[in-house]
Amino acid sequence: MAVSSYVLIQVEMGQAAEVASAIRDIDGVVSAEIATGPYDIIAKASADTMDDLGRMVVGQVEMVEGITRTLTCPVVNL
C-alpha cells in the first residue's frame, strides 16, 4: 500500500504560481493547489514507503526555488 501525505508549503511573496507549477512536475506529486491562509500551496504526494516520501519531500520538493517552509502531514487510514 502506498503512503500519502499532504505537504503544506509557504513561499516567498508572489511566487505561488511558479512554485506550484514546479512542484506538479515532481514524480510522486499527485496535485499542488494554491491556497489562502497560512500556507500558500497544498500538495498531495504519494510514494511506496515513508522513507521514499521523505526523500521526495526533502530532496525534491524543498529544493524548489521560492519555498520558505514546508509541513508534511502523512495520511493515516484508521
Protein backbone atom coordinates (compact mmCIF):
# COMPACT_ATOMS: atom_id res chain seq x y z
CA MET A 1 0.00 0.00 0.00
CA ALA A 2 1.37 3.42 -0.95
CA VAL A 3 1.98 6.15 1.60
CA SER A 4 0.29 9.51 1.01
CA SER A 5 0.71 12.89 2.61
CA TYR A 6 -0.32 16.49 2.29
CA VAL A 7 2.57 18.93 2.13
CA LEU A 8 1.71 22.44 3.30
CA ILE A 9 4.04 24.94 1.68
CA GLN A 10 4.89 28.57 2.35
CA VAL A 11 6.59 30.53 -0.43
CA GLU A 12 8.13 33.93 -0.99
CA MET A 13 5.68 36.69 -1.86
CA GLY A 14 4.44 36.48 -5.45
CA GLN A 15 5.95 33.03 -6.10
CA ALA A 16 2.94 30.72 -5.53
CA ALA A 17 2.06 30.08 -9.20
CA GLU A 18 5.64 29.35 -10.26
CA VAL A 19 6.34 27.13 -7.26
CA ALA A 20 3.08 25.18 -7.65
CA SER A 21 3.88 24.55 -11.31
CA ALA A 22 7.38 23.29 -10.47
CA ILE A 23 6.05 21.02 -7.72
CA ARG A 24 3.46 19.47 -10.05
CA ASP A 25 6.34 18.27 -12.26
CA ILE A 26 7.91 16.18 -9.47
CA ASP A 27 7.36 12.42 -9.70
CA GLY A 28 5.02 11.32 -6.93
CA VAL A 29 3.24 14.64 -6.56
CA VAL A 30 -0.44 14.00 -7.21
CA SER A 31 -1.55 17.64 -7.05
CA ALA A 32 -0.34 21.08 -5.96
CA GLU A 33 -3.01 23.72 -5.42
CA ILE A 34 -2.65 27.38 -4.49
CA ALA A 35 -4.49 28.21 -1.27
CA THR A 36 -5.11 31.17 1.02
CA GLY A 37 -4.28 31.29 4.70
CA PRO A 38 -1.03 30.50 6.50
CA TYR A 39 0.13 28.19 3.68
CA ASP A 40 0.35 29.23 0.04
CA ILE A 41 0.28 25.78 -1.58
CA ILE A 42 -1.17 22.45 -0.52
CA ALA A 43 0.35 19.50 -2.36
CA LYS A 44 -0.63 15.85 -2.20
CA ALA A 45 2.19 13.36 -2.63
CA SER A 46 2.40 9.58 -2.76
CA ALA A 47 5.29 7.11 -2.53
CA ASP A 48 5.87 3.41 -1.93
CA THR A 49 7.28 3.88 1.59
CA MET A 50 7.54 6.60 4.24
CA ASP A 51 11.29 6.76 3.56
CA ASP A 52 10.68 7.31 -0.16
CA LEU A 53 8.15 10.02 0.69
CA GLY A 54 10.63 11.73 2.99
CA ARG A 55 13.35 11.61 0.34
CA MET A 56 10.96 13.15 -2.20
CA VAL A 57 9.93 16.00 0.11
CA VAL A 58 13.43 16.79 1.39
CA GLY A 59 15.35 16.06 -1.80
CA GLN A 60 12.99 17.48 -4.41
CA VAL A 61 10.05 19.49 -3.09
CA GLU A 62 12.06 21.55 -0.60
CA MET A 63 14.67 22.26 -3.28
CA VAL A 64 12.21 24.23 -5.43
CA GLU A 65 13.28 27.86 -5.53
CA GLY A 66 10.92 30.18 -3.66
CA ILE A 67 9.87 27.77 -0.90
CA THR A 68 10.48 29.09 2.60
CA ARG A 69 8.86 26.37 4.73
CA THR A 70 7.07 23.03 4.45
CA LEU A 71 4.98 20.92 6.80
CA THR A 72 4.42 17.29 5.81
CA CYS A 73 1.20 15.67 7.08
CA PRO A 74 1.08 11.91 6.45
CA VAL A 75 -2.35 10.44 5.76
CA VAL A 76 -3.43 7.67 8.15
CA ASN A 77 -6.04 5.05 7.45
CA LEU A 78 -7.96 4.30 10.65
